[in-house]
């Protein structure tokens, strides 16, 4: 596990950038998402084999590191869940609350991704 800037208390330390470390961390903070992670990994492997590029696997790992970052940090998790609630409580993509929620989701994802790639 690595050190990170202080964002308040985290549920667990940030995992190292290895598939196994990220999987173990996800199992601790969001075990219900392990199936999604595995399916996404299989898609990344299939795409990497098809076009001979390892970038698919690097993207997969970064994506799931960011998902763990959101789940392990109560500040990000609360913002993420509030944005999801806003998005799902709208009836139309034209609703300003939908656009605002989507913007908030993107901001949380970007912050999480920056935290794990810095």
Protein backbone atom coordinates (compact mmCIF):
# COMPACT_ATOMS: atom_id res chain seq x y z
CA UNK A 1 0.00 0.00 0.00
CA UNK A 2 1.29 3.47 -0.81
CA UNK A 3 1.12 6.83 0.91
CA UNK A 4 -1.25 9.53 -0.28
CA UNK A 5 -2.22 13.11 0.53
CA UNK A 6 -4.58 13.62 3.44
CA UNK A 7 -8.25 13.79 2.40
CA UNK A 8 -9.59 12.89 5.80
CA UNK A 9 -9.88 9.32 6.96
CA UNK A 10 -9.81 6.61 4.34
CA UNK A 11 -11.41 3.23 4.84
CA UNK A 12 -8.25 1.48 3.65
CA UNK A 13 -4.84 2.60 2.37
CA UNK A 14 -4.47 3.17 -1.36
CA UNK A 15 -3.45 -0.14 -2.97
CA UNK A 16 -0.32 -0.61 -5.00
CA UNK A 17 -0.69 -0.52 -8.79
CA UNK A 18 -0.99 -4.25 -9.33
CA UNK A 19 -4.09 -6.18 -10.41
CA UNK A 20 -4.05 -8.33 -7.28
CA UNK A 21 -3.64 -5.37 -4.89
CA UNK A 22 -6.50 -3.52 -6.56
CA UNK A 23 -8.70 -6.64 -6.50
CA UNK A 24 -8.02 -7.22 -2.79
CA UNK A 25 -8.78 -3.56 -2.04
CA UNK A 26 -12.00 -3.67 -4.03
CA UNK A 27 -13.03 -6.82 -2.15
CA UNK A 28 -12.65 -4.85 1.08
CA UNK A 29 -14.51 -1.66 0.09
CA UNK A 30 -17.00 -2.82 -2.56
CA UNK A 31 -17.14 -6.60 -2.85
CA UNK A 32 -20.36 -6.36 -4.88
CA UNK A 33 -18.27 -4.84 -7.71
CA UNK A 34 -15.83 -7.77 -8.09
CA UNK A 35 -17.91 -9.35 -10.86
CA UNK A 36 -17.88 -6.08 -12.81
CA UNK A 37 -14.12 -5.85 -12.40
CA UNK A 38 -13.63 -9.40 -13.65
CA UNK A 39 -15.91 -8.89 -16.68
CA UNK A 40 -14.09 -5.65 -17.54
CA UNK A 41 -10.74 -7.45 -17.23
CA UNK A 42 -11.86 -10.16 -19.66
CA UNK A 43 -12.94 -7.46 -22.14
CA UNK A 44 -9.56 -5.73 -21.76
CA UNK A 45 -7.67 -8.98 -22.31
CA UNK A 46 -9.75 -9.80 -25.38
CA UNK A 47 -9.17 -6.33 -26.83
CA UNK A 48 -5.43 -6.48 -26.04
CA UNK A 49 -5.11 -9.82 -27.81
CA UNK A 50 -7.16 -8.64 -30.78
CA UNK A 51 -5.06 -5.56 -31.50
CA UNK A 52 -1.80 -6.46 -29.76
CA UNK A 53 -1.82 -3.45 -27.45
CA UNK A 54 -1.24 -3.57 -23.72
CA UNK A 55 -2.94 -0.18 -23.31
CA UNK A 56 -6.29 -1.91 -22.80
CA UNK A 57 -4.92 -3.59 -19.69
CA UNK A 58 -3.32 -0.41 -18.42
CA UNK A 59 -6.63 1.42 -18.86
CA UNK A 60 -8.45 -1.39 -17.04
CA UNK A 61 -6.07 -1.19 -14.08
CA UNK A 62 -6.27 2.61 -13.88
CA UNK A 63 -10.06 2.52 -14.09
CA UNK A 64 -10.34 0.06 -11.20
CA UNK A 65 -7.73 1.87 -9.13
CA UNK A 66 -9.91 4.98 -9.50
CA UNK A 67 -13.02 2.99 -8.51
CA UNK A 68 -11.24 1.80 -5.36
CA UNK A 69 -10.12 5.38 -4.69
CA UNK A 70 -13.74 6.54 -4.77
CA UNK A 71 -14.90 3.72 -2.51
CA UNK A 72 -12.07 3.98 0.01
CA UNK A 73 -12.45 7.74 0.52
CA UNK A 74 -15.70 8.77 2.23
CA UNK A 75 -15.43 12.30 0.78
CA UNK A 76 -15.35 11.02 -2.80
CA UNK A 77 -17.85 8.25 -2.14
CA UNK A 78 -20.42 10.70 -0.73
CA UNK A 79 -20.02 13.04 -3.70
CA UNK A 80 -20.26 10.13 -6.13
CA UNK A 81 -23.43 8.75 -4.56
CA UNK A 82 -25.06 12.19 -4.40
CA UNK A 83 -24.32 12.72 -8.09
CA UNK A 84 -25.74 9.30 -8.98
CA UNK A 85 -28.88 10.08 -7.00
CA UNK A 86 -29.25 13.38 -8.86
CA UNK A 87 -28.83 11.67 -12.23
CA UNK A 88 -31.26 8.86 -11.45
CA UNK A 89 -33.91 11.18 -10.07
CA UNK A 90 -34.35 12.98 -13.39
CA UNK A 91 -36.70 12.04 -16.21
CA UNK A 92 -34.69 13.47 -19.09
CA UNK A 93 -31.14 14.09 -20.19
CA UNK A 94 -32.29 17.65 -20.90
CA UNK A 95 -33.03 18.21 -17.21
CA UNK A 96 -30.46 20.62 -15.69
CA UNK A 97 -30.18 18.29 -12.66
CA UNK A 98 -29.14 15.46 -14.99
CA UNK A 99 -26.41 17.57 -16.59
CA UNK A 100 -25.25 18.81 -13.19
CA UNK A 101 -25.16 15.27 -11.80
CA UNK A 102 -23.21 13.99 -14.79
CA UNK A 103 -20.76 16.86 -14.41
CA UNK A 104 -20.33 15.99 -10.73
CA UNK A 105 -19.79 12.30 -11.58
CA UNK A 106 -17.13 13.25 -14.12
CA UNK A 107 -15.41 15.50 -11.58
CA UNK A 108 -15.28 12.74 -8.97
CA UNK A 109 -13.96 10.25 -11.53
CA UNK A 110 -11.31 12.74 -12.67
CA UNK A 111 -10.21 13.46 -9.10
CA UNK A 112 -9.96 9.76 -8.32
CA UNK A 113 -8.03 9.05 -11.51
CA UNK A 114 -5.65 11.94 -10.86
CA UNK A 115 -5.05 10.66 -7.33
CA UNK A 116 -4.03 7.22 -8.55
CA UNK A 117 -1.90 8.36 -11.49
CA UNK A 118 -0.04 11.19 -9.74
